[in-house]
Amino acid sequence: MSLAELQRIEAERVIGSYARQPVEFVRGEGTLLWDAEGNEYLDFLCGISVTSLGHCHPAIVAAVREQAGRLMHTSNLFYTEPAMRLAERLSAGSLGGKVFFCNSGTEANEAALKLARKARRGGDIVVVEGAFHGRTYGSLSATPQEAKQAPFAPLVPGFRAVAPEPDALRAAVDERTAAVLLEPIQGESGVHVLSDELLMSAREACDEHGASLIFDEIQTGMGRTGTLWAYQRSGVVPDAMTVAKALGGGVPIGALITGKRLADVFAPGDHGSTFAGGPLVAAAALKALELTDDPALLARVEQLGVELRESLAALPHVVEVRGRGLMLACRLDVSAPEVAARALREQRLVLNATGPDTLRLLPPLTISDEQAREGMARLEEALAGG
């Protein structure tokens, strides 16, 4: 089927909620993608930080194939070994509490919001400006961006947005606060790193007033910033965190992970999901965790991130570089959407623009040094065209 035919079907039959680029990808391997015409692309987006171990990692493919041939679904009315093993590994390797499985990041945030409000009997949720936590009603209400919220008002009440500054956040937390919800690095708004001082202020304010501190690690987690979870670098430990994206190695899974204080807030019937934590996705996530939680891999992510930041800063039209590890963005003095489109079309480099002046780069954690250099060379050519 041709690209033109796919576009015709989309125009006639698919709800227009995405602005797709005019490329049909048909195969992926590691850092590479191929379109329907056989052209090869370097992927510096990873399906928005999903395929962080590269496309079709052989070990994840093998785990999925083996599990698919054995059992794919039973519902959460019964036990399966992959789900229990995954919960054990996620909890033991992070906050030491318990795990609720879901299918996506926004669902993980919905679960976290419900958990926090049950723990504090309906208190307010404090978030910071520039945050993005999802598109369902609770997570959208926690996303203080007028363009995303306005068409869907009225939203869920009880959310308070403040500037991402320690004093402003501290002043917003009081005895009515159920939780503070933060991304350690804001992803969708352009890779803005929240300071350790801000995270510590949030921790201290929550402790003072009995509120819960929740970190949204949907994009920052699973090694993206050079540690398995971004909070580990700051030294600030949340009461719960939400994870998704790279957790499944390419298949859809999300999770709410609690510390001990919030581990037993939910009771049977409080929350649920038909597909969540099924054996197929749990088997994939177990393998993805095993591969990602590797000190050598994580150290290389940190080092390569430093090198890419330096390379980006030296490129034409780049006026600022932000991020940590392999979660990077650069602010341009030319149109970022035009550069991203030109990079895809002319240089066969996949990245995206998060706004009119910001490019986001999320290459695989497994990218080779040669591919990283090649990506920078291609980006330089795309920028020179501007």
Protein backbone atom coordinates (compact mmCIF):
# COMPACT_ATOMS: atom_id res chain seq x y z
CA MET A 1 0.00 0.00 0.00
CA SER A 2 1.47 3.37 -1.01
CA LEU A 3 1.98 6.33 1.31
CA ALA A 4 -0.65 8.22 -0.67
CA GLU A 5 -3.15 5.42 -0.04
CA LEU A 6 -2.36 5.42 3.69
CA GLN A 7 -2.88 9.16 3.78
CA ARG A 8 -6.21 8.80 1.97
CA ILE A 9 -7.43 6.24 4.51
CA GLU A 10 -6.31 8.47 7.36
CA ALA A 11 -8.12 11.48 5.91
CA GLU A 12 -11.32 9.48 5.45
CA ARG A 13 -11.32 7.09 8.39
CA VAL A 14 -8.94 8.19 11.17
CA ILE A 15 -9.78 10.89 13.70
CA GLY A 16 -7.37 13.74 13.05
CA SER A 17 -5.65 13.98 16.43
CA TYR A 18 -2.08 13.55 15.14
CA ALA A 19 0.07 15.59 12.76
CA ARG A 20 1.97 12.77 11.09
CA GLN A 21 5.13 13.19 9.05
CA PRO A 22 4.88 11.88 5.45
CA VAL A 23 6.90 8.69 6.03
CA GLU A 24 5.79 5.07 6.43
CA PHE A 25 8.23 3.08 8.55
CA VAL A 26 8.18 -0.65 7.97
CA ARG A 27 11.20 -2.03 9.84
CA GLY A 28 13.54 -1.14 12.69
CA GLU A 29 16.76 -2.51 14.13
CA GLY A 30 18.76 -0.86 16.88
CA THR A 31 19.15 2.85 16.08
CA LEU A 32 17.96 2.40 12.49
CA LEU A 33 14.58 2.59 10.78
CA TRP A 34 13.64 1.83 7.18
CA ASP A 35 10.77 3.32 5.23
CA ALA A 36 8.59 1.57 2.67
CA GLU A 37 10.96 2.57 -0.13
CA GLY A 38 13.96 1.03 1.59
CA ASN A 39 15.56 4.27 2.78
CA GLU A 40 17.53 4.03 6.04
CA TYR A 41 17.06 6.56 8.89
CA LEU A 42 18.88 7.30 12.13
CA ASP A 43 16.35 7.36 14.98
CA PHE A 44 17.05 10.05 17.59
CA LEU A 45 13.51 9.98 18.99
CA CYS A 46 12.91 6.33 20.01
CA GLY A 47 9.15 6.59 19.57
CA ILE A 48 9.31 9.39 22.18
CA SER A 49 11.62 7.53 24.56
CA VAL A 50 9.94 4.13 24.20
CA THR A 51 12.45 2.03 22.27
CA SER A 52 15.33 3.13 24.48
CA LEU A 53 17.18 -0.16 23.96
CA GLY A 54 16.81 0.21 20.21
CA HIS A 55 14.25 -1.19 17.83
CA CYS A 56 13.49 -4.90 18.09
CA HIS A 57 16.16 -5.72 20.66
CA PRO A 58 16.77 -9.45 20.13
CA ALA A 59 16.41 -10.36 23.81
CA ILE A 60 13.09 -8.50 24.14
CA VAL A 61 11.81 -9.99 20.89
CA ALA A 62 12.71 -13.46 22.18
CA ALA A 63 10.96 -12.84 25.51
CA VAL A 64 7.80 -11.63 23.75
CA ARG A 65 7.79 -14.54 21.31
CA GLU A 66 8.25 -17.10 24.05
CA GLN A 67 5.52 -15.60 26.22
CA ALA A 68 3.12 -15.10 23.29
CA GLY A 69 3.38 -18.79 22.53
CA ARG A 70 2.56 -19.69 26.13
CA LEU A 71 -0.02 -17.21 27.49
CA MET A 72 -0.99 -13.67 26.53
CA HIS A 73 -3.88 -12.70 28.81
CA THR A 74 -5.85 -13.89 31.83
CA SER A 75 -7.02 -10.65 33.57
CA ASN A 76 -6.03 -9.50 37.05
CA LEU A 77 -8.51 -11.89 38.64
CA PHE A 78 -5.73 -14.48 38.58
CA TYR A 79 -1.97 -14.72 39.11
CA THR A 80 0.72 -14.82 36.45
CA GLU A 81 4.40 -15.19 37.22
CA PRO A 82 5.70 -12.41 34.91
CA ALA A 83 3.54 -9.77 36.62
CA MET A 84 4.56 -10.79 40.13
CA ARG A 85 8.24 -10.98 39.21
CA LEU A 86 8.07 -7.55 37.55
CA ALA A 87 6.39 -5.99 40.58
CA GLU A 88 9.05 -7.46 42.84
CA ARG A 89 11.87 -6.14 40.68
CA LEU A 90 10.38 -2.65 40.27
CA SER A 91 9.72 -2.25 43.97
CA ALA A 92 12.99 -3.71 45.21
CA GLY A 93 14.96 -1.67 42.70
CA SER A 94 13.38 1.65 43.64
CA LEU A 95 11.10 2.80 46.45
CA GLY A 96 10.54 -0.42 48.38
CA GLY A 97 6.75 -0.26 48.48
CA LYS A 98 4.23 -1.79 46.08
CA VAL A 99 3.29 -1.57 42.40
CA PHE A 100 0.10 -0.97 40.43
CA PHE A 101 0.27 -1.86 36.74
CA CYS A 102 -1.47 -0.02 33.92
CA ASN A 103 -1.06 0.45 30.17
CA SER A 104 0.49 3.90 29.73
CA GLY A 105 2.03 6.89 31.42
CA THR A 106 -1.13 8.92 31.67
CA GLU A 107 -2.88 5.95 33.32
CA ALA A 108 -0.03 5.69 35.81
CA ASN A 109 -0.54 9.34 36.69
CA GLU A 110 -4.28 8.82 37.05
CA ALA A 111 -3.58 6.03 39.52
CA ALA A 112 -1.13 8.24 41.41
CA LEU A 113 -3.65 11.08 41.68
CA LYS A 114 -6.34 8.76 43.00
CA LEU A 115 -3.90 7.23 45.47
CA ALA A 116 -2.82 10.63 46.79
CA ARG A 117 -6.36 11.88 47.19
CA LYS A 118 -7.50 8.74 48.98
CA ALA A 119 -4.51 9.04 51.31
CA ARG A 120 -5.39 12.70 52.11
CA ARG A 121 -9.17 12.53 51.68
CA GLY A 122 -9.52 14.76 48.64
CA GLY A 123 -6.82 17.37 49.07
CA ASP A 124 -5.36 19.61 46.37
CA ILE A 125 -2.60 18.60 43.97
CA VAL A 126 0.26 21.06 43.46
CA VAL A 127 2.03 21.05 40.08
CA VAL A 128 4.47 23.42 38.42
CA GLU A 129 4.17 25.50 35.28
CA GLY A 130 5.44 23.82 32.14
CA ALA A 131 4.49 20.36 33.34
CA PHE A 132 2.99 17.67 31.15
CA HIS A 133 1.39 14.67 32.83
CA GLY A 134 -0.98 13.30 30.20
CA ARG A 135 -4.23 13.82 28.33
CA THR A 136 -6.95 12.04 30.32
CA TYR A 137 -8.96 14.30 32.59
CA GLY A 138 -7.01 13.93 35.81
CA SER A 139 -3.59 14.05 34.18
CA LEU A 140 -4.70 16.87 31.86
CA SER A 141 -5.88 18.84 34.87
CA ALA A 142 -2.35 18.40 36.23
CA THR A 143 -0.91 19.81 32.99
CA PRO A 144 -1.05 23.62 33.31
CA GLN A 145 -0.85 24.46 29.62
CA GLU A 146 -3.70 26.62 28.37
CA ALA A 147 -3.62 25.34 24.78
CA LYS A 148 -4.03 21.74 25.94
CA GLN A 149 -6.60 22.41 28.67
CA ALA A 150 -8.91 25.09 27.27
CA PRO A 151 -10.77 23.02 24.63
CA PHE A 152 -11.78 20.45 27.25
CA ALA A 153 -12.96 22.59 30.15
CA PRO A 154 -14.29 22.21 32.75
CA LEU A 155 -11.43 20.17 34.13
CA VAL A 156 -11.07 18.24 37.38
CA PRO A 157 -10.95 20.76 40.25
CA GLY A 158 -8.35 20.92 42.98
CA PHE A 159 -5.12 21.49 41.05
CA ARG A 160 -2.80 24.38 41.85
CA ALA A 161 -0.03 25.40 39.43
CA VAL A 162 2.95 27.43 40.63
CA ALA A 163 6.21 28.64 39.14
CA PRO A 164 8.99 26.02 39.23
CA GLU A 165 10.79 27.87 42.01
CA PRO A 166 11.54 26.54 45.51
CA ASP A 167 9.88 29.41 47.41
CA ALA A 168 6.76 29.39 45.24
CA LEU A 169 6.31 25.66 45.63
CA ARG A 170 6.92 25.71 49.36
CA ALA A 171 4.32 28.46 49.80
CA ALA A 172 1.73 26.47 47.83
CA VAL A 173 1.86 23.39 50.07
CA ASP A 174 -0.26 23.39 53.21
CA GLU A 175 -2.52 21.14 55.28
CA ARG A 176 -5.00 20.96 52.37
CA THR A 177 -2.41 19.53 49.97
CA ALA A 178 -2.73 15.87 49.02
CA ALA A 179 0.35 15.73 46.81
CA VAL A 180 3.01 17.56 44.86
CA LEU A 181 3.43 16.03 41.38
CA LEU A 182 6.65 16.81 39.49
CA GLU A 183 8.69 15.66 36.51
CA PRO A 184 12.37 15.76 37.58
CA ILE A 185 13.01 16.87 34.00
CA GLN A 186 10.06 18.30 32.09
CA GLY A 187 10.00 16.44 28.80
CA GLU A 188 7.14 17.52 26.56
CA SER A 189 7.62 21.21 27.29
CA GLY A 190 11.19 21.08 26.00
CA VAL A 191 13.49 19.19 28.42
CA HIS A 192 13.69 21.62 31.33
CA VAL A 193 15.65 20.25 34.29
CA LEU A 194 14.05 21.01 37.66
CA SER A 195 16.74 22.00 40.16
CA ASP A 196 17.72 19.77 43.05
CA GLU A 197 16.84 22.71 45.29
CA LEU A 198 13.28 22.67 43.96
CA LEU A 199 12.97 18.91 44.45
CA MET A 200 14.31 19.21 48.00
CA SER A 201 11.90 22.04 48.77
CA ALA A 202 9.05 19.86 47.57
CA ARG A 203 10.23 17.01 49.79
CA GLU A 204 10.53 19.23 52.85
CA ALA A 205 7.16 20.89 52.27
CA CYS A 206 5.42 17.54 51.84
CA ASP A 207 7.03 16.20 55.00
CA GLU A 208 6.02 19.29 56.96
CA HIS A 209 2.38 19.11 55.92
CA GLY A 210 1.84 15.36 55.49
CA ALA A 211 1.42 15.51 51.71
CA SER A 212 2.74 12.97 49.21
CA LEU A 213 5.60 13.72 46.84
CA ILE A 214 5.10 12.02 43.49
CA PHE A 215 7.65 12.03 40.68
CA ASP A 216 6.51 11.53 37.09
CA GLU A 217 9.40 9.49 35.67
CA ILE A 218 7.54 8.41 32.55
CA GLN A 219 10.11 9.96 30.24
CA THR A 220 13.08 10.33 32.60
CA GLY A 221 13.03 6.77 33.90
CA MET A 222 14.61 3.56 32.63
CA GLY A 223 18.13 4.92 32.27
CA ARG A 224 17.33 7.90 30.06
CA THR A 225 19.26 10.38 32.22
CA GLY A 226 22.20 8.14 33.16
CA THR A 227 20.73 6.57 36.30
CA LEU A 228 17.96 3.98 36.28
CA TRP A 229 15.58 6.56 37.76
CA ALA A 230 16.24 10.30 37.58
CA TYR A 231 15.47 10.89 41.27
CA GLN A 232 18.51 8.82 42.24
CA ARG A 233 20.87 11.57 41.11
CA SER A 234 19.12 14.27 43.15
CA GLY A 235 19.08 12.37 46.43
CA VAL A 236 15.41 13.33 46.86
CA VAL A 237 13.27 10.21 47.31
CA PRO A 238 9.56 10.53 46.42
CA ASP A 239 6.67 8.73 48.11
CA ALA A 240 5.64 7.34 44.73
CA MET A 241 6.65 7.55 41.10
CA THR A 242 5.04 6.80 37.77
CA VAL A 243 6.85 5.01 34.95
CA ALA A 244 5.98 3.86 31.42
CA LYS A 245 7.44 4.48 27.93
CA ALA A 246 10.76 2.54 27.91
CA LEU A 247 9.59 0.15 30.64
CA GLY A 248 8.16 -2.24 28.05
CA GLY A 249 11.04 -2.13 25.59
CA GLY A 250 8.56 -1.23 22.85
CA VAL A 251 5.28 -2.70 24.13
CA PRO A 252 2.74 -0.66 26.14
CA ILE A 253 2.98 -0.86 29.91
CA GLY A 254 2.94 1.63 32.77
CA ALA A 255 3.28 1.40 36.51
CA LEU A 256 2.71 3.34 39.71
CA ILE A 257 5.44 2.46 42.20
CA THR A 258 5.00 3.48 45.84
CA GLY A 259 7.20 3.76 48.86
CA LYS A 260 6.12 2.05 52.05
CA ARG A 261 3.94 4.94 53.30
CA LEU A 262 1.50 4.70 50.38
CA ALA A 263 1.79 0.96 49.73
CA ASP A 264 -1.52 -0.04 51.29
CA VAL A 265 -3.77 2.95 50.53
CA PHE A 266 -5.67 1.23 47.72
CA ALA A 267 -8.10 -1.55 48.64
CA PRO A 268 -9.65 -4.13 46.28
CA GLY A 269 -12.00 -2.32 43.89
CA ASP A 270 -10.41 1.11 44.28
CA HIS A 271 -8.70 0.99 40.90
CA GLY A 272 -8.18 -1.47 38.07
CA SER A 273 -7.51 -2.16 34.42
CA THR A 274 -8.45 -5.04 32.14
CA PHE A 275 -5.14 -5.43 30.32
CA ALA A 276 -2.71 -4.05 32.89
CA GLY A 277 0.32 -6.13 33.82
CA GLY A 278 -0.55 -8.93 31.45
CA PRO A 279 2.01 -11.70 31.04
CA LEU A 280 3.11 -10.60 27.57
CA VAL A 281 4.01 -7.01 28.45
CA ALA A 282 5.36 -8.02 31.85
CA ALA A 283 7.75 -10.49 30.22
CA ALA A 284 8.99 -7.75 27.90
CA ALA A 285 9.41 -5.30 30.77
CA LEU A 286 11.35 -7.80 32.85
CA LYS A 287 13.84 -8.22 30.05
CA ALA A 288 14.01 -4.45 29.42
CA LEU A 289 14.74 -3.84 33.12
CA GLU A 290 17.42 -6.51 33.16
CA LEU A 291 19.16 -4.97 30.15
CA THR A 292 18.83 -1.36 31.30
CA ASP A 293 19.89 -1.78 34.93
CA ASP A 294 23.50 -2.24 33.87
CA PRO A 295 26.13 0.01 35.47
CA ALA A 296 28.27 0.02 32.33
CA LEU A 297 25.35 1.03 30.11
CA LEU A 298 24.21 3.76 32.50
CA ALA A 299 27.73 5.18 32.84
CA ARG A 300 28.02 5.32 29.06
CA VAL A 301 24.67 7.13 28.80
CA GLU A 302 25.97 9.78 31.17
CA GLN A 303 29.26 10.18 29.33
CA LEU A 304 27.74 10.19 25.85
CA GLY A 305 25.20 12.74 27.04
CA VAL A 306 28.03 15.09 28.00
CA GLU A 307 29.65 14.62 24.59
CA LEU A 308 26.40 15.23 22.71
CA ARG A 309 25.69 18.38 24.72
CA GLU A 310 29.08 19.74 23.67
CA SER A 311 28.45 18.76 20.05
CA LEU A 312 25.02 20.37 20.03
CA ALA A 313 26.34 23.60 21.52
CA ALA A 314 28.81 23.93 18.64
CA LEU A 315 26.17 23.61 15.89
CA PRO A 316 24.89 26.61 13.89
CA HIS A 317 21.69 28.27 15.11
CA VAL A 318 21.88 26.55 18.52
CA VAL A 319 21.62 29.12 21.31
CA GLU A 320 21.01 26.85 24.32
CA VAL A 321 21.35 23.15 25.18
CA ARG A 322 19.34 21.54 27.99
CA GLY A 323 19.00 18.11 29.50
CA ARG A 324 20.85 15.25 31.12
CA GLY A 325 22.14 11.95 29.83
CA LEU A 326 20.42 11.13 26.55
CA MET A 327 17.40 13.33 27.25
CA LEU A 328 18.43 16.49 25.43
CA ALA A 329 16.99 19.57 23.79
CA CYS A 330 18.43 22.57 22.00
CA ARG A 331 16.90 26.00 21.54
CA LEU A 332 17.35 27.49 18.09
CA ASP A 333 17.24 30.94 16.56
CA VAL A 334 15.39 29.45 13.56
CA SER A 335 12.18 27.43 13.25
CA ALA A 336 12.58 24.10 15.04
CA PRO A 337 9.64 22.41 13.26
CA GLU A 338 11.17 23.34 9.90
CA VAL A 339 14.56 21.97 10.95
CA ALA A 340 13.00 18.73 12.20
CA ALA A 341 11.08 18.30 8.95
CA ARG A 342 14.19 19.03 6.89
CA ALA A 343 16.25 16.59 8.97
CA LEU A 344 13.70 13.86 8.32
CA ARG A 345 13.22 14.64 4.64
CA GLU A 346 16.77 15.44 3.54
CA GLN A 347 19.07 13.88 6.14
CA ARG A 348 16.94 10.91 7.19
CA LEU A 349 17.36 11.81 10.84
CA VAL A 350 14.38 11.31 13.15
CA LEU A 351 13.89 13.83 15.97
CA ASN A 352 11.10 16.22 16.89
CA ALA A 353 10.27 19.80 17.78
CA THR A 354 8.55 20.38 21.11
CA GLY A 355 7.82 24.01 20.26
CA PRO A 356 8.61 26.74 17.74
CA ASP A 357 12.26 27.03 18.79
CA THR A 358 13.12 23.72 20.49
CA LEU A 359 14.39 20.40 19.11
CA ARG A 360 14.27 17.30 21.31
CA LEU A 361 16.72 14.41 20.98
CA LEU A 362 16.05 11.04 22.61
CA PRO A 363 18.45 8.57 20.95
CA PRO A 364 18.64 4.93 22.05
CA LEU A 365 20.75 4.26 25.12
CA THR A 366 22.50 1.63 23.00
CA ILE A 367 23.53 4.01 20.20
CA SER A 368 27.11 3.55 18.98
CA ASP A 369 29.69 6.33 19.07
CA GLU A 370 29.78 6.32 15.28
CA GLN A 371 26.00 6.67 15.03
CA ALA A 372 26.05 9.51 17.56
CA ARG A 373 28.64 11.38 15.48
CA GLU A 374 26.70 10.69 12.31
CA GLY A 375 23.53 12.04 13.89
CA MET A 376 25.27 15.27 14.83
CA ALA A 377 26.65 15.60 11.29
CA ARG A 378 23.19 15.14 9.81
CA LEU A 379 21.67 17.63 12.24
CA GLU A 380 24.37 20.14 11.32
CA GLU A 381 23.41 19.78 7.64
CA ALA A 382 19.73 20.27 8.47
CA LEU A 383 20.54 23.38 10.51
CA ALA A 384 22.77 24.78 7.76
CA GLY A 385 19.81 24.58 5.41
CA GLY A 386 17.99 27.06 7.65
